[in-house]
C-alpha cells in the first residue's frame, strides 16, 4: 500500500465532498459483497478520474487537469477477487511519490499530468486515456504503470479520451485534438492488433476542444463546437507574469493556423503544470457544426451540418436510418464560459439530432428534460440502431450527482427512473449483456455508488431490464467521483 498524506484547503468544490482526493493506494483481496455478482462476469470493472498526488492551490485547481487514478475490481465466478487503486505514473506523479519514472517516450504527448479521463482494454493491454495532446499510458492488468502509449509507435502526439470500438471489426476509432495541430483534428483507426491502420487530418474552423464524436456503420461524425483553445489562459498557466502577454501574442499567431511539429508542441505543452487551470473556453464567435465523413474516404469528402450553438461532451450513440443519420447525446447550452473550473453551466439534457444527407438540414429535439450526463448504450450496438440508453441524473439545485439512474426507451419514448436511496450518489453505469446473443437490456448495469452517510463506495450491479439492485461489492475506501469507467472482459 502506498500512503500519500494529503491536505486540501477549503474553497474549491472539486476538492470537497466526494470529489476530495484519496491519499492511499490499496490492494484488498478480501472483499465483502451482498446480493449476487452475476457469474458470467469474468474481467475487471475499471474507472479513471482526477486525484491530485500533491497539495494544490484551491484557487487555480481545475478538475479536468488533476492527476489520474484508476480504481478497479476483478470479478470471476460470481466473486470479487480484488480491489486496487493506482495513480497513473506520469513524470510528475512518479517524482512526487519518490519513484523512478516509467517508460516515457517524448513523442507520445505532454506529460504534465497522468492520463485521468478514461480506461479501456484493447489488444491485450490496459490503457489509461486522456485528450488534448496529453500522453496516454499503458498499465498492467493489476494497474501498475508500464509507460506512455503510442500504439506500438504508430500514433504520436496524444490520443483521445473517447475512442469508440466498432462491434463488428473490433477496431478503435478516435478523433484527437491538440493546440499544436493547427486548424485540424486527427481521425485514427486502431486495429485489433493495437496498431494504427488509418490516420488522417480533418480541417476544422480553428483549435476546438473535441471531447467526443460519434460513429455509424459507414460514417464518422466530427463535433466542431464552440469551445476553443484560450491563448490568454494558456499563457497565464505556463509563463511568468512578465512574459504572459508576449506569449499570448505568439500563441494567437499560431494556434488554429499553423500545424506545429510534434516536438515543439510537446515542449510547449510540458510547460503547463498539472492540477492547475484549463486552457479551453467557450467562444461565442465560433460556429457549431457536425461533420459527416465516410469512414474510408479522404478528409476532403467531409460534409458539414450547422446546428444551434451548444456542446456535446458525450453522445449516447448514432446510427443510419435511410437517408438520415440519427445522433442521441447530452446537450449543454454552453460550457467553460463563466466558470472555467466547472464543465456544467447549461442544463445538460438528452437530445436527438437527425441529419438529412439529401437536404443538408438538421432537426433537433429533446428526448428528456431532466439534467443528466455520461449516457451509455449496449456496446454491441455502437454505430447501429439502439433502443435503450442509460444515464445518471444530476441535481436540479447543484448540477452534481444524485442517486437516480435513468433508462431511456427510444422506441416508446418512456423513461424509467430508479432512485438508489437517500444520500447515494451514482456515477456512470456501463452495460454488460448476460450472453453474446442476449437482448439489448438483458444483462447488468455496473458502476460505483457513493454513500454520503457512511462515506464509502460500492460497486453496484443493477438488472438492466428493471433497474433493481442485483448485488454490491463493498470497497475498502471511498472512490471519488471521476470520469469514465468500462467493463474489460478477460482476454480483451
Protein backbone atom coordinates (compact mmCIF):
# COMPACT_ATOMS: atom_id res chain seq x y z
CA UNK A 1 0.00 0.00 0.00
CA UNK A 2 1.28 3.47 -0.94
CA UNK A 3 0.37 6.13 1.59
CA UNK A 4 0.44 9.71 0.41
CA UNK A 5 -0.80 12.08 3.16
CA UNK A 6 -2.72 14.97 1.65
CA UNK A 7 -4.44 18.06 2.98
CA UNK A 8 -6.54 20.29 0.76
CA UNK A 9 -7.72 23.73 1.91
CA UNK A 10 -11.38 24.57 1.51
CA UNK A 11 -12.67 26.80 -1.24
CA UNK A 12 -12.77 24.61 -4.33
CA UNK A 13 -15.83 22.35 -4.81
CA UNK A 14 -13.73 19.92 -6.84
CA UNK A 15 -11.61 19.20 -3.76
CA UNK A 16 -14.54 18.67 -1.39
CA UNK A 17 -17.16 16.03 -0.52
CA UNK A 18 -16.75 13.01 -2.82
CA UNK A 19 -14.53 14.93 -5.21
CA UNK A 20 -11.97 15.03 -2.40
CA UNK A 21 -8.90 13.00 -3.44
CA UNK A 22 -7.96 9.82 -1.60
CA UNK A 23 -4.47 9.51 -0.17
CA UNK A 24 -3.81 5.78 -0.25
CA UNK A 25 -3.21 3.19 -2.92
CA UNK A 26 -4.79 -0.02 -1.66
CA UNK A 27 -4.92 -3.68 -2.66
CA UNK A 28 -7.70 -5.66 -0.96
CA UNK A 29 -8.24 -9.34 -1.77
CA UNK A 30 -10.83 -9.94 0.98
CA UNK A 31 -13.81 -8.02 -0.37
CA UNK A 32 -17.29 -8.37 1.06
CA UNK A 33 -20.37 -8.48 -1.13
CA UNK A 34 -24.14 -8.62 -0.74
CA UNK A 35 -26.67 -9.95 -3.20
CA UNK A 36 -25.46 -11.64 -6.38
CA UNK A 37 -22.49 -10.94 -8.62
CA UNK A 38 -23.50 -12.42 -12.00
CA UNK A 39 -21.37 -15.49 -12.69
CA UNK A 40 -20.99 -14.58 -16.37
CA UNK A 41 -18.84 -11.58 -15.42
CA UNK A 42 -15.18 -12.54 -15.89
CA UNK A 43 -12.95 -9.49 -16.06
CA UNK A 44 -12.37 -6.12 -14.42
CA UNK A 45 -14.52 -3.07 -13.86
CA UNK A 46 -12.17 -0.08 -14.17
CA UNK A 47 -12.81 3.63 -13.66
CA UNK A 48 -10.47 6.60 -14.11
CA UNK A 49 -10.61 10.08 -12.62
CA UNK A 50 -8.64 13.05 -11.26
CA UNK A 51 -6.86 12.62 -7.92
CA UNK A 52 -4.04 15.15 -7.29
CA UNK A 53 -0.91 13.46 -5.96
CA UNK A 54 0.19 16.56 -4.03
CA UNK A 55 -1.43 19.53 -2.37
CA UNK A 56 -2.80 22.05 -4.87
CA UNK A 57 -3.94 25.66 -4.81
CA UNK A 58 -7.74 25.66 -4.46
CA UNK A 59 -7.87 28.99 -6.30
CA UNK A 60 -6.45 27.53 -9.51
CA UNK A 61 -7.13 23.77 -9.37
CA UNK A 62 -9.20 22.53 -12.33
CA UNK A 63 -10.86 19.13 -12.13
CA UNK A 64 -10.02 18.29 -15.76
CA UNK A 65 -6.30 18.78 -15.02
CA UNK A 66 -5.94 16.55 -11.95
CA UNK A 67 -3.52 13.61 -11.82
CA UNK A 68 -5.15 10.37 -12.96
CA UNK A 69 -6.05 7.48 -10.66
CA UNK A 70 -7.63 4.21 -11.78
CA UNK A 71 -9.88 2.18 -9.44
CA UNK A 72 -10.60 -1.43 -10.36
CA UNK A 73 -12.41 -4.56 -9.19
CA UNK A 74 -11.61 -8.05 -10.50
CA UNK A 75 -14.66 -10.32 -10.89
CA UNK A 76 -14.81 -14.04 -11.69
CA UNK A 77 -17.09 -17.00 -10.88
CA UNK A 78 -19.59 -14.78 -9.06
CA UNK A 79 -16.96 -13.40 -6.69
CA UNK A 80 -14.97 -10.20 -6.28
CA UNK A 81 -11.29 -11.20 -6.17
CA UNK A 82 -9.63 -7.83 -5.61
CA UNK A 83 -9.92 -4.08 -5.45
CA UNK A 84 -6.98 -1.90 -6.45
CA UNK A 85 -6.48 1.81 -6.97
CA UNK A 86 -3.33 3.16 -8.56
CA UNK A 87 -2.05 6.51 -9.76
CA UNK A 88 -1.13 6.73 -13.41
CA UNK A 89 2.60 7.33 -13.08
CA UNK A 90 3.28 10.41 -15.15
CA UNK A 91 6.64 12.10 -14.62
CA UNK A 92 5.08 14.45 -12.07
CA UNK A 93 3.36 11.67 -10.13
CA UNK A 94 6.40 9.40 -10.09
CA UNK A 95 8.59 12.22 -8.76
CA UNK A 96 6.01 13.14 -6.10
CA UNK A 97 5.94 9.53 -4.90
CA UNK A 98 9.72 9.27 -4.93
CA UNK A 99 9.69 6.62 -7.65
CA UNK A 100 11.53 6.06 -10.88
CA UNK A 101 9.64 7.36 -13.92
CA UNK A 102 8.16 4.54 -16.05
CA UNK A 103 8.81 4.31 -19.80
CA UNK A 104 8.33 7.83 -21.06
CA UNK A 105 8.74 8.50 -24.79
CA UNK A 106 8.92 12.17 -25.69
CA UNK A 107 6.77 11.96 -28.85
CA UNK A 108 3.87 10.28 -27.07
CA UNK A 109 2.46 13.58 -25.75
CA UNK A 110 2.58 16.07 -22.87
CA UNK A 111 3.40 14.57 -19.52
CA UNK A 112 2.38 17.25 -17.01
CA UNK A 113 -0.45 15.07 -15.70
CA UNK A 114 -1.22 11.37 -15.65
CA UNK A 115 -4.00 10.25 -18.00
CA UNK A 116 -7.15 10.95 -15.97
CA UNK A 117 -10.24 10.57 -18.15
CA UNK A 118 -10.92 7.02 -19.30
CA UNK A 119 -9.55 3.48 -19.08
CA UNK A 120 -10.13 0.67 -21.57
CA UNK A 121 -8.77 -2.67 -22.67
CA UNK A 122 -7.52 -3.25 -26.23
CA UNK A 123 -5.20 -5.74 -27.89
CA UNK A 124 -4.41 -7.32 -24.55
CA UNK A 125 -3.38 -4.03 -22.93
CA UNK A 126 -4.98 -1.78 -20.32
CA UNK A 127 -4.89 1.86 -21.48
CA UNK A 128 -5.45 4.95 -19.32
CA UNK A 129 -6.64 7.66 -21.69
CA UNK A 130 -6.73 11.44 -21.83
CA UNK A 131 -7.01 14.03 -24.60
CA UNK A 132 -5.75 17.39 -25.84
CA UNK A 133 -2.24 16.18 -26.70
CA UNK A 134 -1.51 14.75 -23.23
CA UNK A 135 0.14 11.32 -23.26
CA UNK A 136 -1.99 8.24 -22.64
CA UNK A 137 -0.47 5.41 -20.59
CA UNK A 138 -0.33 1.64 -20.69
CA UNK A 139 -0.98 -0.21 -17.41
CA UNK A 140 -0.73 -3.84 -16.35
CA UNK A 141 -3.76 -5.99 -15.52
CA UNK A 142 -3.02 -5.13 -11.86
CA UNK A 143 -2.97 -1.39 -12.70
CA UNK A 144 0.76 -0.73 -12.38
CA UNK A 145 2.01 1.82 -14.92
CA UNK A 146 4.09 0.47 -17.81
CA UNK A 147 4.66 3.77 -19.60
CA UNK A 148 3.35 6.14 -22.23
CA UNK A 149 1.32 4.73 -25.12
CA UNK A 150 1.84 5.24 -28.85
CA UNK A 151 0.16 2.08 -30.15
CA UNK A 152 3.42 0.35 -30.95
CA UNK A 153 4.95 3.55 -32.34
CA UNK A 154 2.18 4.14 -34.90
CA UNK A 155 0.49 7.20 -33.34
CA UNK A 156 2.24 10.17 -31.73
CA UNK A 157 1.29 13.43 -30.03
CA UNK A 158 -1.50 12.14 -27.79
CA UNK A 159 -4.75 10.30 -28.43
CA UNK A 160 -8.34 10.76 -27.24
CA UNK A 161 -10.25 10.06 -24.04
CA UNK A 162 -13.22 8.70 -26.02
CA UNK A 163 -12.42 6.07 -28.63
CA UNK A 164 -15.33 4.01 -29.95
CA UNK A 165 -15.00 0.31 -30.69
CA UNK A 166 -16.75 -0.96 -33.80
CA UNK A 167 -18.67 -4.03 -32.60
CA UNK A 168 -18.08 -5.95 -35.85
CA UNK A 169 -14.42 -5.24 -36.62
CA UNK A 170 -13.21 -4.70 -33.05
CA UNK A 171 -11.24 -1.65 -34.24
CA UNK A 172 -10.94 1.53 -32.18
CA UNK A 173 -11.99 4.76 -33.91
CA UNK A 174 -10.94 8.12 -32.49
CA UNK A 175 -10.86 11.87 -33.07
CA UNK A 176 -7.84 13.52 -31.41
CA UNK A 177 -7.22 17.23 -30.90
CA UNK A 178 -4.33 19.38 -29.67
CA UNK A 179 -3.45 23.07 -29.85
CA UNK A 180 -0.44 22.14 -31.98
CA UNK A 181 -2.44 20.64 -34.84
CA UNK A 182 -3.27 23.98 -36.42
CA UNK A 183 -6.83 24.01 -37.77
CA UNK A 184 -7.07 20.23 -37.95
CA UNK A 185 -8.08 17.27 -35.83
CA UNK A 186 -6.88 13.72 -36.34
CA UNK A 187 -9.06 10.75 -37.25
CA UNK A 188 -7.42 7.41 -36.49
CA UNK A 189 -8.36 3.75 -36.56
CA UNK A 190 -6.51 1.31 -34.31
CA UNK A 191 -6.68 -2.31 -35.46
CA UNK A 192 -7.30 -5.35 -33.29
CA UNK A 193 -3.50 -5.78 -33.25
CA UNK A 194 -3.10 -2.49 -31.35
CA UNK A 195 -1.52 -0.57 -34.25
CA UNK A 196 -2.90 2.40 -36.22
CA UNK A 197 -4.02 1.37 -39.71
CA UNK A 198 -5.54 4.74 -40.67
CA UNK A 199 -4.61 8.26 -39.65
CA UNK A 200 -5.79 11.43 -41.44
CA UNK A 201 -6.08 15.14 -40.61
CA UNK A 202 -9.51 16.78 -40.91
CA UNK A 203 -9.71 20.56 -41.37
CA UNK A 204 -11.87 22.44 -38.84
CA UNK A 205 -12.56 26.10 -38.08
CA UNK A 206 -9.82 26.64 -35.51
CA UNK A 207 -8.47 24.81 -32.47
CA UNK A 208 -11.52 23.29 -30.78
CA UNK A 209 -11.79 21.01 -27.78
CA UNK A 210 -13.28 17.86 -29.31
CA UNK A 211 -14.14 15.71 -26.29
CA UNK A 212 -16.45 13.32 -28.12
CA UNK A 213 -17.51 12.19 -31.57
CA UNK A 214 -19.84 9.54 -32.97
CA UNK A 215 -19.69 6.56 -35.26
CA UNK A 216 -22.18 4.82 -37.55
CA UNK A 217 -21.77 1.75 -39.73
CA UNK A 218 -20.38 3.84 -42.60
CA UNK A 219 -19.58 7.30 -41.21
CA UNK A 220 -17.64 9.11 -38.53
CA UNK A 221 -19.30 12.22 -37.03
CA UNK A 222 -17.00 15.12 -36.09
CA UNK A 223 -18.14 17.59 -33.41
CA UNK A 224 -16.75 21.05 -34.25
CA UNK A 225 -18.22 23.03 -31.36
CA UNK A 226 -17.52 26.46 -29.77
CA UNK A 227 -15.07 25.52 -27.02
CA UNK A 228 -11.64 26.53 -28.26
CA UNK A 229 -8.06 26.93 -27.12
CA UNK A 230 -7.71 30.07 -24.97
CA UNK A 231 -4.31 31.64 -25.60
CA UNK A 232 -4.53 34.06 -22.67
CA UNK A 233 -5.40 31.26 -20.25
CA UNK A 234 -2.61 29.07 -21.62
CA UNK A 235 -0.05 31.86 -21.26
CA UNK A 236 -1.11 32.53 -17.67
CA UNK A 237 -0.73 28.84 -16.82
CA UNK A 238 2.73 28.35 -18.28
CA UNK A 239 4.57 31.68 -18.19
CA UNK A 240 5.87 34.12 -15.57
CA UNK A 241 3.72 37.22 -15.33
CA UNK A 242 6.12 39.46 -17.29
CA UNK A 243 6.16 37.02 -20.24
CA UNK A 244 2.45 36.28 -20.44
CA UNK A 245 1.46 38.98 -22.92
CA UNK A 246 4.28 38.22 -25.39
CA UNK A 247 3.47 34.52 -25.10
CA UNK A 248 -0.20 35.21 -25.74
CA UNK A 249 0.64 37.21 -28.89
CA UNK A 250 2.80 34.37 -30.21
CA UNK A 251 0.11 31.80 -29.50
CA UNK A 252 -2.52 34.00 -31.17
CA UNK A 253 -0.44 33.99 -34.35
CA UNK A 254 -0.01 30.21 -34.34
CA UNK A 255 -2.90 28.39 -32.70
CA UNK A 256 -5.63 27.29 -35.09
CA UNK A 257 -3.49 28.35 -38.05
CA UNK A 258 -0.13 26.58 -38.06
CA UNK A 259 0.45 22.85 -37.61
CA UNK A 260 3.40 22.75 -35.24
CA UNK A 261 5.89 19.86 -35.34
CA UNK A 262 5.25 17.32 -32.58
CA UNK A 263 8.48 18.08 -30.66
CA UNK A 264 7.63 21.80 -30.48
CA UNK A 265 4.00 21.16 -29.46
CA UNK A 266 5.06 18.72 -26.75
CA UNK A 267 7.80 21.03 -25.45
CA UNK A 268 5.26 23.87 -25.14
CA UNK A 269 2.65 21.59 -23.59
CA UNK A 270 5.10 20.38 -20.97
CA UNK A 271 5.49 23.96 -19.70
CA UNK A 272 1.96 23.86 -18.27
CA UNK A 273 1.81 22.41 -14.76
CA UNK A 274 -0.68 19.70 -13.91
CA UNK A 275 -3.53 20.22 -11.43
CA UNK A 276 -3.82 23.86 -12.40
CA UNK A 277 -6.14 25.68 -14.75
CA UNK A 278 -7.72 24.70 -18.05
CA UNK A 279 -6.73 26.33 -21.37
CA UNK A 280 -10.06 25.99 -23.24
CA UNK A 281 -13.13 28.21 -23.01
CA UNK A 282 -16.45 28.99 -24.65
CA UNK A 283 -16.13 31.05 -27.85
CA UNK A 284 -19.25 33.00 -28.86
CA UNK A 285 -17.83 33.64 -32.34
CA UNK A 286 -17.17 30.01 -33.19
CA UNK A 287 -20.00 28.25 -35.08
CA UNK A 288 -21.32 24.84 -34.03
CA UNK A 289 -21.45 22.13 -36.68
CA UNK A 290 -21.28 18.38 -37.15
CA UNK A 291 -19.11 16.86 -39.86
CA UNK A 292 -20.05 13.61 -41.62
CA UNK A 293 -17.17 11.71 -43.22
CA UNK A 294 -17.34 8.26 -44.83
CA UNK A 295 -15.03 6.08 -42.77
CA UNK A 296 -12.61 5.18 -45.56
CA UNK A 297 -12.86 8.40 -47.59
CA UNK A 298 -10.25 11.19 -47.78
CA UNK A 299 -10.70 14.12 -45.39
CA UNK A 300 -11.91 16.34 -48.25
CA UNK A 301 -15.08 14.24 -48.51
CA UNK A 302 -16.45 15.55 -45.20
CA UNK A 303 -19.85 17.33 -45.24
CA UNK A 304 -20.70 19.90 -42.57
CA UNK A 305 -24.11 20.39 -40.96
CA UNK A 306 -24.68 23.60 -38.99
CA UNK A 307 -26.54 23.30 -35.67
CA UNK A 308 -27.60 25.69 -32.91
CA UNK A 309 -24.68 26.63 -30.61
CA UNK A 310 -24.15 24.02 -27.90
CA UNK A 311 -21.64 21.49 -26.65
CA UNK A 312 -21.79 17.70 -26.52
CA UNK A 313 -19.32 16.07 -24.16
CA UNK A 314 -20.92 12.66 -24.51
CA UNK A 315 -23.04 11.12 -27.20
CA UNK A 316 -25.09 8.05 -26.40
CA UNK A 317 -24.93 6.65 -29.94
CA UNK A 318 -25.52 7.37 -33.62
CA UNK A 319 -26.85 5.29 -36.50
CA UNK A 320 -28.02 5.49 -40.09
CA UNK A 321 -31.72 5.47 -40.91
CA UNK A 322 -32.29 5.58 -44.66
CA UNK A 323 -31.05 8.94 -45.92
CA UNK A 324 -30.60 10.32 -42.41
CA UNK A 325 -28.19 9.93 -39.51
CA UNK A 326 -29.66 9.90 -36.00
CA UNK A 327 -27.49 11.17 -33.14
CA UNK A 328 -28.52 10.95 -29.47
CA UNK A 329 -26.47 12.75 -26.84
CA UNK A 330 -26.43 15.13 -23.89
CA UNK A 331 -26.67 18.76 -24.99
CA UNK A 332 -25.11 21.60 -22.95
CA UNK A 333 -26.18 25.15 -23.81
CA UNK A 334 -22.63 26.27 -23.04
CA UNK A 335 -19.61 25.16 -21.01
CA UNK A 336 -16.42 26.76 -19.66
CA UNK A 337 -17.91 30.22 -20.05
CA UNK A 338 -18.50 31.95 -16.71
CA UNK A 339 -16.81 29.21 -14.70
CA UNK A 340 -13.63 27.74 -16.20
CA UNK A 341 -13.37 25.07 -13.48
CA UNK A 342 -16.90 23.67 -13.88
CA UNK A 343 -17.88 21.84 -17.08
CA UNK A 344 -21.62 22.13 -16.39
CA UNK A 345 -23.21 25.53 -16.98
CA UNK A 346 -26.10 24.89 -19.33
CA UNK A 347 -28.75 22.40 -18.15
CA UNK A 348 -27.44 19.21 -19.79
CA UNK A 349 -30.32 17.11 -21.14
CA UNK A 350 -30.75 14.25 -23.61
CA UNK A 351 -31.37 15.46 -27.17
CA UNK A 352 -31.62 13.98 -30.65
CA UNK A 353 -30.25 15.41 -33.88
CA UNK A 354 -31.40 14.00 -37.23
CA UNK A 355 -29.05 14.89 -40.11
CA UNK A 356 -30.64 14.65 -43.56
CA UNK A 357 -28.00 13.59 -46.07
CA UNK A 358 -30.18 14.60 -49.04
CA UNK A 359 -31.21 18.11 -47.98
CA UNK A 360 -28.28 19.03 -45.70
CA UNK A 361 -30.69 20.03 -42.92
CA UNK A 362 -30.73 19.09 -39.24
CA UNK A 363 -33.74 18.57 -36.99
CA UNK A 364 -33.12 18.77 -33.23
CA UNK A 365 -35.50 17.60 -30.50
CA UNK A 366 -35.35 16.95 -26.77
CA UNK A 367 -35.66 13.35 -25.58
CA UNK A 368 -35.78 14.07 -21.84
CA UNK A 369 -35.61 17.36 -19.94
CA UNK A 370 -34.04 16.03 -16.72
CA UNK A 371 -30.43 17.02 -16.05
CA UNK A 372 -28.11 14.11 -16.84
CA UNK A 373 -24.71 13.14 -18.17
CA UNK A 374 -22.47 10.17 -19.05
CA UNK A 375 -25.02 8.35 -21.27
CA UNK A 376 -24.17 4.76 -22.29
CA UNK A 377 -25.65 2.12 -24.56
CA UNK A 378 -25.04 -1.57 -25.10
CA UNK A 379 -21.57 -1.66 -26.71
CA UNK A 380 -22.84 -4.26 -29.19
CA UNK A 381 -24.98 -1.60 -30.89
CA UNK A 382 -22.41 1.21 -31.16
CA UNK A 383 -22.99 2.80 -34.57
CA UNK A 384 -26.15 0.73 -35.07
CA UNK A 385 -29.80 1.41 -34.17
CA UNK A 386 -30.27 1.30 -30.40
CA UNK A 387 -33.35 1.11 -28.23
CA UNK A 388 -32.02 1.89 -24.76
CA UNK A 389 -29.71 4.50 -23.27
CA UNK A 390 -28.72 4.74 -19.60
CA UNK A 391 -27.54 7.84 -17.71
CA UNK A 392 -27.13 9.06 -14.12
CA UNK A 393 -29.35 12.03 -13.31
CA UNK A 394 -27.90 15.29 -11.98
CA UNK A 395 -29.30 17.53 -9.25
CA UNK A 396 -31.51 20.45 -10.35
CA UNK A 397 -30.08 22.52 -7.47
CA UNK A 398 -26.36 21.81 -7.63
CA UNK A 399 -26.00 20.07 -11.02
CA UNK A 400 -23.99 17.50 -9.07
CA UNK A 401 -24.57 13.73 -8.84
CA UNK A 402 -27.71 12.14 -7.44
CA UNK A 403 -28.68 8.56 -6.68
CA UNK A 404 -31.01 8.31 -9.69
CA UNK A 405 -30.29 6.19 -12.77
CA UNK A 406 -32.33 6.81 -15.93
CA UNK A 407 -33.22 4.23 -18.58
CA UNK A 408 -34.47 5.78 -21.82
CA UNK A 409 -36.56 3.62 -24.15
CA UNK A 410 -36.10 5.35 -27.50
CA UNK A 411 -38.76 3.19 -29.17
CA UNK A 412 -41.63 4.02 -26.80
CA UNK A 413 -40.39 7.40 -25.60
CA UNK A 414 -40.69 6.28 -21.96
CA UNK A 415 -38.01 6.74 -19.32
CA UNK A 416 -37.67 4.71 -16.12
CA UNK A 417 -36.02 6.41 -13.13
CA UNK A 418 -34.53 4.34 -10.30
CA UNK A 419 -33.61 6.12 -7.08
CA UNK A 420 -30.90 4.18 -5.25
CA UNK A 421 -31.81 5.79 -1.94
CA UNK A 422 -31.14 8.81 0.32
CA UNK A 423 -27.57 10.03 0.40
CA UNK A 424 -26.48 7.89 -2.57
CA UNK A 425 -24.54 9.41 -5.48
CA UNK A 426 -24.26 7.42 -8.69
CA UNK A 427 -21.59 7.74 -11.34
CA UNK A 428 -21.54 6.46 -14.93
CA UNK A 429 -23.02 2.96 -15.31
CA UNK A 430 -21.99 0.56 -18.08
CA UNK A 431 -23.97 -2.33 -19.54
CA UNK A 432 -22.77 -5.90 -19.95
CA UNK A 433 -25.08 -8.45 -21.63
CA UNK A 434 -25.90 -11.78 -19.98
CA UNK A 435 -24.67 -13.57 -23.12
CA UNK A 436 -23.42 -12.72 -26.60
CA UNK A 437 -26.92 -13.01 -28.10
CA UNK A 438 -28.88 -11.58 -25.15
CA UNK A 439 -31.46 -8.85 -25.74
CA UNK A 440 -30.34 -5.22 -25.53
CA UNK A 441 -31.39 -4.87 -21.87
CA UNK A 442 -30.80 -8.47 -20.78
CA UNK A 443 -27.79 -8.10 -18.53
CA UNK A 444 -26.46 -5.85 -15.81
CA UNK A 445 -25.51 -2.24 -15.37
CA UNK A 446 -22.49 -1.66 -13.15
CA UNK A 447 -20.92 1.40 -11.63
CA UNK A 448 -19.61 2.97 -8.44
CA UNK A 449 -22.15 4.39 -5.98
CA UNK A 450 -21.06 6.65 -3.12
CA UNK A 451 -22.93 6.61 0.21
CA UNK A 452 -22.64 10.01 1.90
CA UNK A 453 -23.81 8.74 5.29
CA UNK A 454 -21.10 6.07 5.56
CA UNK A 455 -18.51 7.87 3.41
CA UNK A 456 -17.90 4.71 1.40
CA UNK A 457 -18.37 3.34 -2.12
CA UNK A 458 -19.89 0.16 -3.52
CA UNK A 459 -19.54 -1.37 -6.96
CA UNK A 460 -23.25 -1.76 -7.65
CA UNK A 461 -24.98 -4.10 -10.11
CA UNK A 462 -28.46 -3.32 -11.45
CA UNK A 463 -30.71 -5.51 -13.57
CA UNK A 464 -30.73 -3.57 -16.86
CA UNK A 465 -34.32 -4.60 -17.54
CA UNK A 466 -35.84 -3.40 -14.26
CA UNK A 467 -33.07 -1.25 -12.71
CA UNK A 468 -33.46 -3.25 -9.49
CA UNK A 469 -30.31 -3.86 -7.45
CA UNK A 470 -28.77 -7.29 -8.08
CA UNK A 471 -25.68 -7.08 -5.88
CA UNK A 472 -22.97 -4.89 -4.40
CA UNK A 473 -19.24 -5.20 -3.76
CA UNK A 474 -18.29 -3.16 -0.69
CA UNK A 475 -15.00 -1.39 -1.32
CA UNK A 476 -12.41 -0.71 1.40
CA UNK A 477 -12.29 3.00 0.71
CA UNK A 478 -14.22 5.81 -0.88
CA UNK A 479 -13.89 6.18 -4.67
CA UNK A 480 -14.00 9.88 -5.59
CA UNK A 481 -16.32 10.86 -8.41
CA UNK A 482 -14.37 10.75 -11.64
CA UNK A 483 -14.93 10.44 -15.34
CA UNK A 484 -15.22 7.21 -17.29
CA UNK A 485 -15.30 3.52 -16.49
CA UNK A 486 -15.55 0.36 -18.56
CA UNK A 487 -16.02 -3.34 -18.18
CA UNK A 488 -12.88 -5.05 -19.50
CA UNK A 489 -13.58 -8.76 -20.04
CA UNK A 490 -10.74 -11.22 -19.63
CA UNK A 491 -8.90 -11.60 -22.93
CA UNK A 492 -9.88 -8.24 -24.47
